[in-house]
Amino acid sequence: MLSRIAESMFWIGRYVERAEDTARILDVQTQMLLEEPGVDVPEDCRTLLSIMGSPPPEDPDLGVPEVLELLAYRRDSPASIAASLAAARESARRARETLSEPMWEAINTTYRSIGSGYFRSLQPARGFRWVRDQAALVNGTADATMTRDDGWQFLVLGRAIERADMTSRLLASASLSHGQAWTTTLRACGAHESFLRAYKGLETDREAAEFLLLDRLFPRSIVYSISRAEQCLTNLESTGQRAGFENDAHRLLGRIRAELEYRSLSDVLADLPSAMERLQHACAAATEAITHRFFAGSEALIWRGARG
């Protein structure tokens, strides 16, 4: 496969997932900022922007509207939903000849709704639901219409790495919040019912964190996402190598997955924001390694800001 096409498929997967998960995080955080009593809104908004890799403005009255501008609506803000969907469409345009017609239409229609102002016109909660629905449409169309060739592997690889990164940001933001943050986080991930079935109705912060971090069967857990990315890399390599890993990305992802799975949960939870930051750096380093291995002449596109 041409490196240009492979790179475009990889970034379609990442950008669509980034838009969806940013919507999930904003849905959780804005609800808590607006509804919980005693919240320091400016400070919590700065923390959220920092977690998302967007430098917070020097505004003592920073509030939810400013956060929505930076993380949802502004096309010139790299961490925003609008910027992610625009970038997904640009990647799809570069790989147009390899996409199915329904998949191109799903991506292009979503992008046009951003440019027309439709997304901004919606109430925030409804807008976030619309983003999730559009991401599900794009991903479902890809699942139904794409051959499971190398292009598919790169699409799923990008989606899996981005999902691990974004779930880590959601967990970091939940760990810094108060009240019913973990229940709200489970709902944001579409995990609440699966969690209750897995833990027989027992609902505590520790079990919720364990489920989203380590569950091997839930598709939005961090360990599941990293394992899926490793499988994609195995499928793309197919070298029959008998020892070690030829691909540095595989080594980096395997190392961070092993750190999560083999450390005690208490150790991970004791300093969850730092553990999640290490995971984000590992995802950024893996993206760099994938770029050098598969996308000749390119430079990795990563989150701006301290957290990769």
Protein backbone atom coordinates (compact mmCIF):
# COMPACT_ATOMS: atom_id res chain seq x y z
CA MET A 1 0.00 0.00 0.00
CA LEU A 2 1.21 3.51 -0.81
CA SER A 3 2.50 5.27 2.30
CA ARG A 4 0.29 8.28 1.47
CA ILE A 5 -2.85 6.14 1.54
CA ALA A 6 -1.74 4.25 4.65
CA GLU A 7 -1.08 7.50 6.49
CA SER A 8 -4.46 8.93 5.48
CA MET A 9 -6.31 5.83 6.68
CA PHE A 10 -4.43 5.90 9.98
CA TRP A 11 -5.36 9.55 10.58
CA ILE A 12 -8.98 9.12 9.55
CA GLY A 13 -9.24 6.55 12.34
CA ARG A 14 -7.54 8.87 14.82
CA TYR A 15 -9.37 12.08 13.98
CA VAL A 16 -12.86 10.55 13.99
CA GLU A 17 -12.13 8.89 17.32
CA ARG A 18 -10.65 12.13 18.70
CA ALA A 19 -13.79 14.08 17.80
CA GLU A 20 -16.05 11.47 19.36
CA ASP A 21 -14.06 11.16 22.58
CA THR A 22 -13.65 14.92 22.95
CA ALA A 23 -17.44 15.14 22.77
CA ARG A 24 -17.70 12.47 25.46
CA ILE A 25 -15.24 14.28 27.74
CA LEU A 26 -16.94 17.64 27.26
CA ASP A 27 -20.35 16.11 27.93
CA VAL A 28 -19.11 14.74 31.26
CA GLN A 29 -17.14 17.76 32.37
CA THR A 30 -19.57 20.52 31.41
CA GLN A 31 -22.39 18.68 33.12
CA MET A 32 -20.38 18.46 36.35
CA LEU A 33 -19.20 22.08 36.13
CA LEU A 34 -22.74 23.35 35.72
CA GLU A 35 -24.51 21.07 38.20
CA GLU A 36 -22.16 20.34 41.11
CA PRO A 37 -22.24 22.85 44.00
CA GLY A 38 -19.03 24.37 45.29
CA VAL A 39 -17.03 23.80 42.10
CA ASP A 40 -14.16 26.19 41.35
CA VAL A 41 -15.21 26.68 37.73
CA PRO A 42 -12.17 28.67 36.46
CA GLU A 43 -9.68 26.27 38.04
CA ASP A 44 -11.52 23.15 36.84
CA CYS A 45 -11.75 24.64 33.33
CA ARG A 46 -7.98 25.23 33.31
CA THR A 47 -7.40 21.65 34.44
CA LEU A 48 -9.65 20.31 31.69
CA LEU A 49 -7.91 22.38 29.01
CA SER A 50 -4.52 21.23 30.30
CA ILE A 51 -5.59 17.57 30.21
CA MET A 52 -6.75 18.04 26.63
CA GLY A 53 -3.42 19.60 25.60
CA SER A 54 -4.88 23.07 25.00
CA PRO A 55 -3.08 25.95 26.76
CA PRO A 56 -5.63 27.71 29.00
CA PRO A 57 -6.08 31.45 28.37
CA GLU A 58 -5.08 34.00 30.99
CA ASP A 59 -8.65 34.76 31.99
CA PRO A 60 -9.61 34.91 35.68
CA ASP A 61 -13.25 34.41 34.71
CA LEU A 62 -12.62 31.37 32.51
CA GLY A 63 -15.83 29.37 32.21
CA VAL A 64 -17.73 26.77 30.21
CA PRO A 65 -18.39 29.01 27.13
CA GLU A 66 -14.64 29.61 26.66
CA VAL A 67 -13.91 25.90 27.07
CA LEU A 68 -16.52 25.03 24.45
CA GLU A 69 -14.98 27.50 22.03
CA LEU A 70 -11.52 25.97 22.42
CA LEU A 71 -12.50 22.29 22.56
CA ALA A 72 -15.63 22.16 20.41
CA TYR A 73 -16.19 24.94 17.92
CA ARG A 74 -13.02 26.76 16.86
CA ARG A 75 -11.46 25.40 13.67
CA ASP A 76 -8.09 26.98 14.52
CA SER A 77 -7.89 25.19 17.89
CA PRO A 78 -6.07 21.86 17.24
CA ALA A 79 -7.80 20.05 20.12
CA SER A 80 -11.33 20.99 19.04
CA ILE A 81 -14.03 18.73 17.64
CA ALA A 82 -14.41 21.01 14.60
CA ALA A 83 -10.68 20.84 13.82
CA SER A 84 -10.62 17.05 14.21
CA LEU A 85 -13.56 16.51 11.85
CA ALA A 86 -12.07 18.92 9.31
CA ALA A 87 -8.77 17.02 9.48
CA ALA A 88 -10.59 13.69 9.09
CA ARG A 89 -12.23 15.00 5.93
CA GLU A 90 -8.90 16.23 4.55
CA SER A 91 -7.34 12.81 5.20
CA ALA A 92 -10.33 11.17 3.52
CA ARG A 93 -9.91 13.44 0.49
CA ARG A 94 -6.29 12.31 0.11
CA ALA A 95 -7.37 8.66 0.25
CA ARG A 96 -10.55 9.18 -1.77
CA GLU A 97 -9.78 6.46 -4.31
CA THR A 98 -9.56 3.78 -1.60
CA LEU A 99 -12.67 4.72 0.39
CA SER A 100 -16.08 3.29 -0.30
CA GLU A 101 -18.65 5.80 -1.52
CA PRO A 102 -20.81 5.48 1.65
CA MET A 103 -17.81 6.09 3.89
CA TRP A 104 -16.73 9.19 1.97
CA GLU A 105 -20.29 10.52 2.09
CA ALA A 106 -20.51 9.93 5.86
CA ILE A 107 -17.25 11.83 6.50
CA ASN A 108 -17.99 14.62 4.03
CA THR A 109 -21.55 15.18 5.27
CA THR A 110 -20.30 15.44 8.84
CA TYR A 111 -17.65 17.96 7.81
CA ARG A 112 -20.15 20.08 5.91
CA SER A 113 -22.37 20.28 9.00
CA ILE A 114 -19.44 21.86 10.84
CA GLY A 115 -18.83 24.44 8.12
CA SER A 116 -22.50 25.32 7.80
CA GLY A 117 -22.75 26.20 11.50
CA TYR A 118 -25.20 23.38 12.25
CA PHE A 119 -23.02 21.90 15.00
CA ARG A 120 -22.56 25.26 16.73
CA SER A 121 -26.30 25.95 16.55
CA LEU A 122 -27.15 22.92 18.67
CA GLN A 123 -27.42 23.00 22.44
CA PRO A 124 -24.12 21.58 23.81
CA ALA A 125 -25.54 18.28 25.11
CA ARG A 126 -27.38 17.69 21.84
CA GLY A 127 -24.31 18.71 19.85
CA PHE A 128 -22.13 16.21 21.69
CA ARG A 129 -24.72 13.48 21.02
CA TRP A 130 -24.72 14.46 17.33
CA VAL A 131 -20.91 14.11 17.18
CA ARG A 132 -21.10 10.66 18.77
CA ASP A 133 -23.81 9.62 16.33
CA GLN A 134 -21.80 10.84 13.33
CA ALA A 135 -18.67 9.06 14.53
CA ALA A 136 -20.71 5.87 14.94
CA LEU A 137 -22.03 6.36 11.39
CA VAL A 138 -18.52 6.74 9.97
CA ASN A 139 -17.13 3.78 11.90
CA GLY A 140 -20.14 1.59 11.21
CA THR A 141 -19.98 2.39 7.51
CA ALA A 142 -16.28 1.52 7.48
CA ASP A 143 -16.98 -1.76 9.27
CA ALA A 144 -19.69 -2.67 6.77
CA THR A 145 -18.03 -1.59 3.50
CA MET A 146 -14.24 -1.92 3.79
CA THR A 147 -12.19 -4.95 2.84
CA ARG A 148 -10.04 -6.18 5.72
CA ASP A 149 -6.82 -5.29 3.90
CA ASP A 150 -3.89 -3.10 4.98
CA GLY A 151 -6.01 0.04 4.65
CA TRP A 152 -8.46 -1.37 7.17
CA GLN A 153 -5.61 -2.33 9.52
CA PHE A 154 -4.25 1.23 9.46
CA LEU A 155 -7.72 2.68 10.08
CA VAL A 156 -8.30 0.45 13.11
CA LEU A 157 -4.72 0.99 14.33
CA GLY A 158 -5.27 4.76 14.37
CA ARG A 159 -8.65 4.39 16.05
CA ALA A 160 -7.26 2.08 18.75
CA ILE A 161 -4.28 4.29 19.64
CA GLU A 162 -6.47 7.40 19.78
CA ARG A 163 -9.06 5.61 21.92
CA ALA A 164 -6.42 4.55 24.44
CA ASP A 165 -5.07 8.11 24.55
CA MET A 166 -8.49 9.72 24.92
CA THR A 167 -9.76 7.23 27.49
CA SER A 168 -6.67 8.06 29.53
CA ARG A 169 -7.63 11.75 29.39
CA LEU A 170 -11.16 10.92 30.46
CA LEU A 171 -9.83 8.90 33.40
CA ALA A 172 -7.43 11.68 34.36
CA SER A 173 -10.24 14.24 34.34
CA ALA A 174 -12.49 11.95 36.39
CA SER A 175 -9.77 11.43 39.01
CA LEU A 176 -9.57 15.19 39.54
CA SER A 177 -13.33 15.65 39.86
CA HIS A 178 -15.75 15.20 42.72
CA GLY A 179 -19.10 13.63 43.49
CA GLN A 180 -20.45 11.16 40.92
CA ALA A 181 -17.56 11.61 38.50
CA TRP A 182 -16.90 7.91 37.93
CA THR A 183 -20.53 7.02 37.29
CA THR A 184 -20.74 9.89 34.82
CA THR A 185 -17.48 8.75 33.20
CA LEU A 186 -18.79 5.22 32.76
CA ARG A 187 -21.90 6.60 31.08
CA ALA A 188 -19.80 8.83 28.83
CA CYS A 189 -17.89 5.77 27.62
CA GLY A 190 -21.12 3.82 27.05
CA ALA A 191 -19.78 1.47 29.72
CA HIS A 192 -22.26 1.77 32.58
CA GLU A 193 -24.48 -1.23 31.77
CA SER A 194 -21.52 -3.45 30.84
CA PHE A 195 -19.78 -2.42 34.06
CA LEU A 196 -22.81 -3.24 36.23
CA ARG A 197 -23.10 -6.68 34.60
CA ALA A 198 -19.39 -7.38 35.02
CA TYR A 199 -19.36 -6.37 38.70
CA LYS A 200 -22.82 -7.71 39.60
CA GLY A 201 -24.20 -4.28 40.43
CA LEU A 202 -21.32 -3.28 42.73
CA GLU A 203 -20.53 0.33 41.87
CA THR A 204 -17.46 1.91 43.46
CA ASP A 205 -14.80 4.29 42.15
CA ARG A 206 -12.10 1.63 42.33
CA GLU A 207 -14.05 -0.93 40.31
CA ALA A 208 -15.07 1.70 37.73
CA ALA A 209 -11.44 2.72 37.23
CA GLU A 210 -10.37 -0.92 36.99
CA PHE A 211 -13.02 -1.61 34.35
CA LEU A 212 -12.03 1.33 32.12
CA LEU A 213 -8.32 0.66 32.59
CA LEU A 214 -7.95 -3.09 32.50
CA ASP A 215 -11.03 -4.93 31.22
CA ARG A 216 -9.96 -7.21 28.35
CA LEU A 217 -13.44 -7.54 26.85
CA PHE A 218 -14.83 -3.99 26.84
CA PRO A 219 -13.82 -2.19 23.61
CA ARG A 220 -13.24 1.22 25.22
CA SER A 221 -10.97 0.07 28.00
CA ILE A 222 -7.34 1.12 27.71
CA VAL A 223 -5.94 -2.42 27.79
CA TYR A 224 -8.40 -3.60 25.12
CA SER A 225 -7.52 -0.64 22.87
CA ILE A 226 -3.77 -1.15 23.21
CA SER A 227 -4.14 -4.89 22.57
CA ARG A 228 -6.16 -4.11 19.42
CA ALA A 229 -3.41 -1.77 18.22
CA GLU A 230 -0.79 -4.46 18.86
CA GLN A 231 -2.82 -6.96 16.84
CA CYS A 232 -3.05 -4.52 13.92
CA LEU A 233 0.73 -4.07 13.98
CA THR A 234 1.18 -7.84 13.99
CA ASN A 235 -1.13 -8.15 10.97
CA LEU A 236 0.75 -5.39 9.13
CA GLU A 237 4.20 -6.82 9.80
CA SER A 238 3.70 -10.56 9.14
CA THR A 239 7.46 -11.08 9.02
CA GLY A 240 7.60 -14.36 10.90
CA GLN A 241 10.22 -12.89 13.23
CA ARG A 242 11.05 -15.44 15.91
CA ALA A 243 12.29 -13.13 18.67
CA GLY A 244 11.44 -9.64 19.83
CA PHE A 245 9.64 -7.01 17.77
CA GLU A 246 10.86 -5.43 14.57
CA ASN A 247 8.50 -2.48 15.06
CA ASP A 248 9.36 -0.01 17.82
CA ALA A 249 5.68 0.96 18.09
CA HIS A 250 4.81 -2.62 19.02
CA ARG A 251 7.47 -2.59 21.72
CA LEU A 252 6.30 0.74 23.16
CA LEU A 253 2.65 -0.28 23.26
CA GLY A 254 3.42 -3.68 24.75
CA ARG A 255 5.53 -2.10 27.46
CA ILE A 256 2.86 0.37 28.58
CA ARG A 257 0.18 -2.34 28.47
CA ALA A 258 2.34 -4.63 30.62
CA GLU A 259 2.94 -1.78 33.08
CA LEU A 260 -0.80 -1.34 33.53
CA GLU A 261 -1.64 -5.04 33.70
CA TYR A 262 1.18 -6.17 35.99
CA ARG A 263 1.32 -3.28 38.43
CA SER A 264 -1.10 -3.48 41.32
CA LEU A 265 -4.26 -1.51 40.75
CA SER A 266 -3.64 0.38 44.00
CA ASP A 267 -0.30 1.64 42.68
CA VAL A 268 -1.86 2.82 39.43
CA LEU A 269 -4.78 4.54 41.14
CA ALA A 270 -2.53 6.21 43.72
CA ASP A 271 -1.25 8.57 41.05
CA LEU A 272 -3.66 8.09 38.18
CA PRO A 273 -3.06 11.43 36.38
CA SER A 274 0.69 10.72 36.13
CA ALA A 275 0.07 7.15 34.97
CA MET A 276 -2.28 8.44 32.30
CA GLU A 277 0.24 11.07 31.22
CA ARG A 278 2.85 8.33 30.74
CA LEU A 279 0.35 6.45 28.62
CA GLN A 280 -0.26 9.54 26.47
CA HIS A 281 3.48 9.95 25.94
CA ALA A 282 3.71 6.27 24.97
CA CYS A 283 0.91 6.73 22.41
CA ALA A 284 2.74 9.75 20.97
CA ALA A 285 6.02 7.84 20.77
CA ALA A 286 4.26 4.87 19.14
CA THR A 287 2.71 7.23 16.57
CA GLU A 288 6.17 8.60 15.81
CA ALA A 289 7.51 5.07 15.36
CA ILE A 290 4.60 4.10 13.08
CA THR A 291 5.22 7.20 11.00
CA HIS A 292 8.90 6.40 10.51
CA ARG A 293 8.19 2.73 9.79
CA PHE A 294 5.27 3.01 7.38
CA PHE A 295 4.81 6.61 6.22
CA ALA A 296 7.98 7.48 4.31
CA GLY A 297 8.87 11.17 4.29
CA SER A 298 6.23 12.19 6.82
CA GLU A 299 6.36 13.61 10.30
CA ALA A 300 4.00 12.37 12.98
CA LEU A 301 0.99 14.54 13.67
CA ILE A 302 0.43 14.54 17.42
CA TRP A 303 -1.35 16.48 20.08
CA ARG A 304 0.09 19.89 20.70
CA GLY A 305 1.00 20.73 24.26
CA ALA A 306 2.86 18.90 26.99
CA ARG A 307 0.81 15.73 26.76
CA GLY A 308 1.40 13.70 23.62
